[in-house]
Amino acid sequence: MNKVIDFIREAKAELMKVNWPTKKQTINYTMVVVVLSLVVAVFLGGLDYLFSSILKAFII
């Protein structure tokens, strides 16, 4: 049981050392992820449309 208590104490001490991002940083990072995800989705969707159009034109 002492090992469990020691682990919890050490985990709490380590979490106190963590440099947590501010609310503004978290919002900015989230917006970057959302925007990049949308850009990649549009790019891949465009490639899919292009390749399917090429396949339809030449194969079908």
PDB file of N, CA and C in Angstrom:
ATOM      1  N   MET A   1       0.824  -1.199   0.000  1.00  0.00           N
ATOM      2  CA  MET A   1       0.000   0.000   0.000  1.00  0.00           C
ATOM      3  C   MET A   1       0.871   1.267   0.000  1.00  0.00           C
ATOM      4  N   ASN A   2       2.016   1.210   0.625  1.00  0.00           N
ATOM      5  CA  ASN A   2       2.907   2.375   0.678  1.00  0.00           C
ATOM      6  C   ASN A   2       3.415   2.747  -0.704  1.00  0.00           C
ATOM      7  N   LYS A   3       3.629   1.724  -1.555  1.00  0.00           N
ATOM      8  CA  LYS A   3       4.102   2.007  -2.915  1.00  0.00           C
ATOM      9  C   LYS A   3       3.061   2.783  -3.705  1.00  0.00           C
ATOM     10  N   VAL A   4       1.796   2.451  -3.523  1.00  0.00           N
ATOM     11  CA  VAL A   4       0.715   3.152  -4.218  1.00  0.00           C
ATOM     12  C   VAL A   4       0.662   4.606  -3.768  1.00  0.00           C
ATOM     13  N   ILE A   5       0.770   4.824  -2.476  1.00  0.00           N
ATOM     14  CA  ILE A   5       0.726   6.187  -1.941  1.00  0.00           C
ATOM     15  C   ILE A   5       1.936   6.978  -2.431  1.00  0.00           C
ATOM     16  N   ASP A   6       3.120   6.349  -2.435  1.00  0.00           N
ATOM     17  CA  ASP A   6       4.312   7.025  -2.950  1.00  0.00           C
ATOM     18  C   ASP A   6       4.161   7.380  -4.430  1.00  0.00           C
ATOM     19  N   PHE A   7       3.592   6.453  -5.199  1.00  0.00           N
ATOM     20  CA  PHE A   7       3.382   6.716  -6.624  1.00  0.00           C
ATOM     21  C   PHE A   7       2.465   7.915  -6.825  1.00  0.00           C
ATOM     22  N   ILE A   8       1.387   7.970  -6.084  1.00  0.00           N
ATOM     23  CA  ILE A   8       0.441   9.088  -6.217  1.00  0.00           C
ATOM     24  C   ILE A   8       1.119  10.403  -5.832  1.00  0.00           C
ATOM     25  N   ARG A   9       1.904  10.400  -4.777  1.00  0.00           N
ATOM     26  CA  ARG A   9       2.614  11.624  -4.369  1.00  0.00           C
ATOM     27  C   ARG A   9       3.605  12.076  -5.440  1.00  0.00           C
ATOM     28  N   GLU A  10       4.353  11.112  -5.977  1.00  0.00           N
ATOM     29  CA  GLU A  10       5.333  11.453  -7.005  1.00  0.00           C
ATOM     30  C   GLU A  10       4.657  11.935  -8.286  1.00  0.00           C
ATOM     31  N   ALA A  11       3.537  11.307  -8.634  1.00  0.00           N
ATOM     32  CA  ALA A  11       2.804  11.738  -9.823  1.00  0.00           C
ATOM     33  C   ALA A  11       2.292  13.164  -9.644  1.00  0.00           C
ATOM     34  N   LYS A  12       1.782  13.461  -8.466  1.00  0.00           N
ATOM     35  CA  LYS A  12       1.293  14.817  -8.191  1.00  0.00           C
ATOM     36  C   LYS A  12       2.441  15.825  -8.260  1.00  0.00           C
ATOM     37  N   ALA A  13       3.602  15.454  -7.732  1.00  0.00           N
ATOM     38  CA  ALA A  13       4.763  16.349  -7.768  1.00  0.00           C
ATOM     39  C   ALA A  13       5.207  16.597  -9.205  1.00  0.00           C
ATOM     40  N   GLU A  14       5.192  15.573 -10.025  1.00  0.00           N
ATOM     41  CA  GLU A  14       5.569  15.743 -11.437  1.00  0.00           C
ATOM     42  C   GLU A  14       4.557  16.613 -12.174  1.00  0.00           C
ATOM     43  N   LEU A  15       3.281  16.441 -11.882  1.00  0.00           N
ATOM     44  CA  LEU A  15       2.261  17.260 -12.547  1.00  0.00           C
ATOM     45  C   LEU A  15       2.384  18.735 -12.159  1.00  0.00           C
ATOM     46  N   MET A  16       2.890  19.006 -10.975  1.00  0.00           N
ATOM     47  CA  MET A  16       3.085  20.397 -10.568  1.00  0.00           C
ATOM     48  C   MET A  16       4.232  21.048 -11.355  1.00  0.00           C
ATOM     49  N   LYS A  17       5.152  20.236 -11.902  1.00  0.00           N
ATOM     50  CA  LYS A  17       6.276  20.753 -12.673  1.00  0.00           C
ATOM     51  C   LYS A  17       5.918  21.017 -14.134  1.00  0.00           C
ATOM     52  N   VAL A  18       4.792  20.515 -14.572  1.00  0.00           N
ATOM     53  CA  VAL A  18       4.412  20.640 -15.974  1.00  0.00           C
ATOM     54  C   VAL A  18       4.091  22.096 -16.289  1.00  0.00           C
ATOM     55  N   ASN A  19       4.558  22.553 -17.442  1.00  0.00           N
ATOM     56  CA  ASN A  19       4.279  23.907 -17.905  1.00  0.00           C
ATOM     57  C   ASN A  19       3.017  23.851 -18.768  1.00  0.00           C
ATOM     58  N   TRP A  20       1.864  24.056 -18.142  1.00  0.00           N
ATOM     59  CA  TRP A  20       0.594  23.945 -18.839  1.00  0.00           C
ATOM     60  C   TRP A  20       0.380  25.167 -19.735  1.00  0.00           C
ATOM     61  N   PRO A  21      -0.202  24.965 -20.940  1.00  0.00           N
ATOM     62  CA  PRO A  21      -0.461  26.119 -21.822  1.00  0.00           C
ATOM     63  C   PRO A  21      -1.593  26.978 -21.259  1.00  0.00           C
ATOM     64  N   THR A  22      -1.536  28.254 -21.627  1.00  0.00           N
ATOM     65  CA  THR A  22      -2.606  29.157 -21.207  1.00  0.00           C
ATOM     66  C   THR A  22      -3.849  28.899 -22.053  1.00  0.00           C
ATOM     67  N   LYS A  23      -4.938  29.512 -21.642  1.00  0.00           N
ATOM     68  CA  LYS A  23      -6.192  29.349 -22.385  1.00  0.00           C
ATOM     69  C   LYS A  23      -6.038  29.877 -23.813  1.00  0.00           C
ATOM     70  N   LYS A  24      -5.368  31.018 -23.959  1.00  0.00           N
ATOM     71  CA  LYS A  24      -5.168  31.614 -25.280  1.00  0.00           C
ATOM     72  C   LYS A  24      -4.321  30.700 -26.165  1.00  0.00           C
ATOM     73  N   GLN A  25      -3.260  30.116 -25.609  1.00  0.00           N
ATOM     74  CA  GLN A  25      -2.422  29.198 -26.370  1.00  0.00           C
ATOM     75  C   GLN A  25      -3.211  27.963 -26.804  1.00  0.00           C
ATOM     76  N   THR A  26      -4.014  27.441 -25.903  1.00  0.00           N
ATOM     77  CA  THR A  26      -4.810  26.257 -26.225  1.00  0.00           C
ATOM     78  C   THR A  26      -5.781  26.546 -27.354  1.00  0.00           C
ATOM     79  N   ILE A  27      -6.426  27.703 -27.322  1.00  0.00           N
ATOM     80  CA  ILE A  27      -7.357  28.080 -28.384  1.00  0.00           C
ATOM     81  C   ILE A  27      -6.603  28.245 -29.706  1.00  0.00           C
ATOM     82  N   ASN A  28      -5.438  28.893 -29.670  1.00  0.00           N
ATOM     83  CA  ASN A  28      -4.648  29.088 -30.891  1.00  0.00           C
ATOM     84  C   ASN A  28      -4.208  27.754 -31.482  1.00  0.00           C
ATOM     85  N   TYR A  29      -3.715  26.862 -30.644  1.00  0.00           N
ATOM     86  CA  TYR A  29      -3.267  25.561 -31.132  1.00  0.00           C
ATOM     87  C   TYR A  29      -4.434  24.764 -31.709  1.00  0.00           C
ATOM     88  N   THR A  30      -5.585  24.855 -31.067  1.00  0.00           N
ATOM     89  CA  THR A  30      -6.773  24.159 -31.569  1.00  0.00           C
ATOM     90  C   THR A  30      -7.181  24.696 -32.929  1.00  0.00           C
ATOM     91  N   MET A  31      -7.132  26.009 -33.094  1.00  0.00           N
ATOM     92  CA  MET A  31      -7.494  26.604 -34.379  1.00  0.00           C
ATOM     93  C   MET A  31      -6.502  26.182 -35.472  1.00  0.00           C
ATOM     94  N   VAL A  32      -5.230  26.103 -35.138  1.00  0.00           N
ATOM     95  CA  VAL A  32      -4.232  25.657 -36.113  1.00  0.00           C
ATOM     96  C   VAL A  32      -4.540  24.233 -36.561  1.00  0.00           C
ATOM     97  N   VAL A  33      -4.869  23.357 -35.619  1.00  0.00           N
ATOM     98  CA  VAL A  33      -5.179  21.966 -35.954  1.00  0.00           C
ATOM     99  C   VAL A  33      -6.431  21.882 -36.818  1.00  0.00           C
ATOM    100  N   VAL A  34      -7.462  22.635 -36.489  1.00  0.00           N
ATOM    101  CA  VAL A  34      -8.710  22.614 -37.259  1.00  0.00           C
ATOM    102  C   VAL A  34      -8.468  23.119 -38.678  1.00  0.00           C
ATOM    103  N   VAL A  35      -7.763  24.238 -38.821  1.00  0.00           N
ATOM    104  CA  VAL A  35      -7.509  24.812 -40.139  1.00  0.00           C
ATOM    105  C   VAL A  35      -6.659  23.865 -40.986  1.00  0.00           C
ATOM    106  N   LEU A  36      -5.596  23.316 -40.410  1.00  0.00           N
ATOM    107  CA  LEU A  36      -4.754  22.395 -41.168  1.00  0.00           C
ATOM    108  C   LEU A  36      -5.516  21.131 -41.553  1.00  0.00           C
ATOM    109  N   SER A  37      -6.385  20.659 -40.677  1.00  0.00           N
ATOM    110  CA  SER A  37      -7.199  19.487 -40.998  1.00  0.00           C
ATOM    111  C   SER A  37      -8.124  19.782 -42.173  1.00  0.00           C
ATOM    112  N   LEU A  38      -8.729  20.957 -42.183  1.00  0.00           N
ATOM    113  CA  LEU A  38      -9.609  21.328 -43.291  1.00  0.00           C
ATOM    114  C   LEU A  38      -8.825  21.475 -44.590  1.00  0.00           C
ATOM    115  N   VAL A  39      -7.644  22.062 -44.529  1.00  0.00           N
ATOM    116  CA  VAL A  39      -6.818  22.220 -45.732  1.00  0.00           C
ATOM    117  C   VAL A  39      -6.439  20.852 -46.296  1.00  0.00           C
ATOM    118  N   VAL A  40      -6.022  19.945 -45.441  1.00  0.00           N
ATOM    119  CA  VAL A  40      -5.648  18.609 -45.896  1.00  0.00           C
ATOM    120  C   VAL A  40      -6.871  17.883 -46.456  1.00  0.00           C
ATOM    121  N   ALA A  41      -8.020  18.023 -45.817  1.00  0.00           N
ATOM    122  CA  ALA A  41      -9.240  17.380 -46.299  1.00  0.00           C
ATOM    123  C   ALA A  41      -9.628  17.894 -47.686  1.00  0.00           C
ATOM    124  N   VAL A  42      -9.548  19.208 -47.894  1.00  0.00           N
ATOM    125  CA  VAL A  42      -9.875  19.786 -49.197  1.00  0.00           C
ATOM    126  C   VAL A  42      -8.873  19.318 -50.249  1.00  0.00           C
ATOM    127  N   PHE A  43      -7.599  19.296 -49.896  1.00  0.00           N
ATOM    128  CA  PHE A  43      -6.568  18.841 -50.822  1.00  0.00           C
ATOM    129  C   PHE A  43      -6.799  17.387 -51.228  1.00  0.00           C
ATOM    130  N   LEU A  44      -7.022  16.516 -50.261  1.00  0.00           N
ATOM    131  CA  LEU A  44      -7.240  15.110 -50.575  1.00  0.00           C
ATOM    132  C   LEU A  44      -8.553  14.894 -51.332  1.00  0.00           C
ATOM    133  N   GLY A  45      -9.568  15.674 -50.982  1.00  0.00           N
ATOM    134  CA  GLY A  45     -10.821  15.598 -51.720  1.00  0.00           C
ATOM    135  C   GLY A  45     -10.644  16.023 -53.162  1.00  0.00           C
ATOM    136  N   GLY A  46      -9.844  17.058 -53.381  1.00  0.00           N
ATOM    137  CA  GLY A  46      -9.564  17.504 -54.747  1.00  0.00           C
ATOM    138  C   GLY A  46      -8.800  16.461 -55.540  1.00  0.00           C
ATOM    139  N   LEU A  47      -7.821  15.836 -54.916  1.00  0.00           N
ATOM    140  CA  LEU A  47      -7.092  14.762 -55.593  1.00  0.00           C
ATOM    141  C   LEU A  47      -8.024  13.590 -55.930  1.00  0.00           C
ATOM    142  N   ASP A  48      -8.891  13.253 -55.010  1.00  0.00           N
ATOM    143  CA  ASP A  48      -9.834  12.166 -55.239  1.00  0.00           C
ATOM    144  C   ASP A  48     -10.748  12.485 -56.426  1.00  0.00           C
ATOM    145  N   TYR A  49     -11.244  13.712 -56.443  1.00  0.00           N
ATOM    146  CA  TYR A  49     -12.109  14.126 -57.548  1.00  0.00           C
ATOM    147  C   TYR A  49     -11.341  14.101 -58.878  1.00  0.00           C
ATOM    148  N   LEU A  50     -10.120  14.606 -58.872  1.00  0.00           N
ATOM    149  CA  LEU A  50      -9.300  14.638 -60.075  1.00  0.00           C
ATOM    150  C   LEU A  50      -9.031  13.230 -60.601  1.00  0.00           C
ATOM    151  N   PHE A  51      -8.589  12.350 -59.736  1.00  0.00           N
ATOM    152  CA  PHE A  51      -8.265  10.993 -60.168  1.00  0.00           C
ATOM    153  C   PHE A  51      -9.502  10.214 -60.602  1.00  0.00           C
ATOM    154  N   SER A  52     -10.623  10.412 -59.920  1.00  0.00           N
ATOM    155  CA  SER A  52     -11.836   9.717 -60.348  1.00  0.00           C
ATOM    156  C   SER A  52     -12.316  10.256 -61.701  1.00  0.00           C
ATOM    157  N   SER A  53     -12.139  11.554 -61.950  1.00  0.00           N
ATOM    158  CA  SER A  53     -12.489  12.112 -63.255  1.00  0.00           C
ATOM    159  C   SER A  53     -11.597  11.547 -64.344  1.00  0.00           C
ATOM    160  N   ILE A  54     -10.312  11.429 -64.066  1.00  0.00           N
ATOM    161  CA  ILE A  54      -9.387  10.846 -65.046  1.00  0.00           C
ATOM    162  C   ILE A  54      -9.747   9.392 -65.320  1.00  0.00           C
ATOM    163  N   LEU A  55     -10.043   8.644 -64.286  1.00  0.00           N
ATOM    164  CA  LEU A  55     -10.420   7.244 -64.473  1.00  0.00           C
ATOM    165  C   LEU A  55     -11.706   7.108 -65.289  1.00  0.00           C
ATOM    166  N   LYS A  56     -12.674   7.962 -65.007  1.00  0.00           N
ATOM    167  CA  LYS A  56     -13.921   7.903 -65.764  1.00  0.00           C
ATOM    168  C   LYS A  56     -13.683   8.260 -67.233  1.00  0.00           C
ATOM    169  N   ALA A  57     -12.813   9.217 -67.487  1.00  0.00           N
ATOM    170  CA  ALA A  57     -12.569   9.653 -68.871  1.00  0.00           C
ATOM    171  C   ALA A  57     -11.818   8.620 -69.675  1.00  0.00           C
ATOM    172  N   PHE A  58     -10.875   7.930 -69.094  1.00  0.00           N
ATOM    173  CA  PHE A  58     -10.041   7.024 -69.849  1.00  0.00           C
ATOM    174  C   PHE A  58     -10.456   5.551 -69.763  1.00  0.00           C
ATOM    175  N   ILE A  59     -11.066   5.164 -68.687  1.00  0.00           N
ATOM    176  CA  ILE A  59     -11.396   3.744 -68.516  1.00  0.00           C
ATOM    177  C   ILE A  59     -12.851   3.457 -68.876  1.00  0.00           C
ATOM    178  N   ILE A  60     -13.712   4.296 -68.477  1.00  0.00           N
ATOM    179  CA  ILE A  60     -15.143   4.031 -68.723  1.00  0.00           C
ATOM    180  C   ILE A  60     -15.588   4.656 -70.036  1.00  0.00           C
TER     181      ILE A  60
END
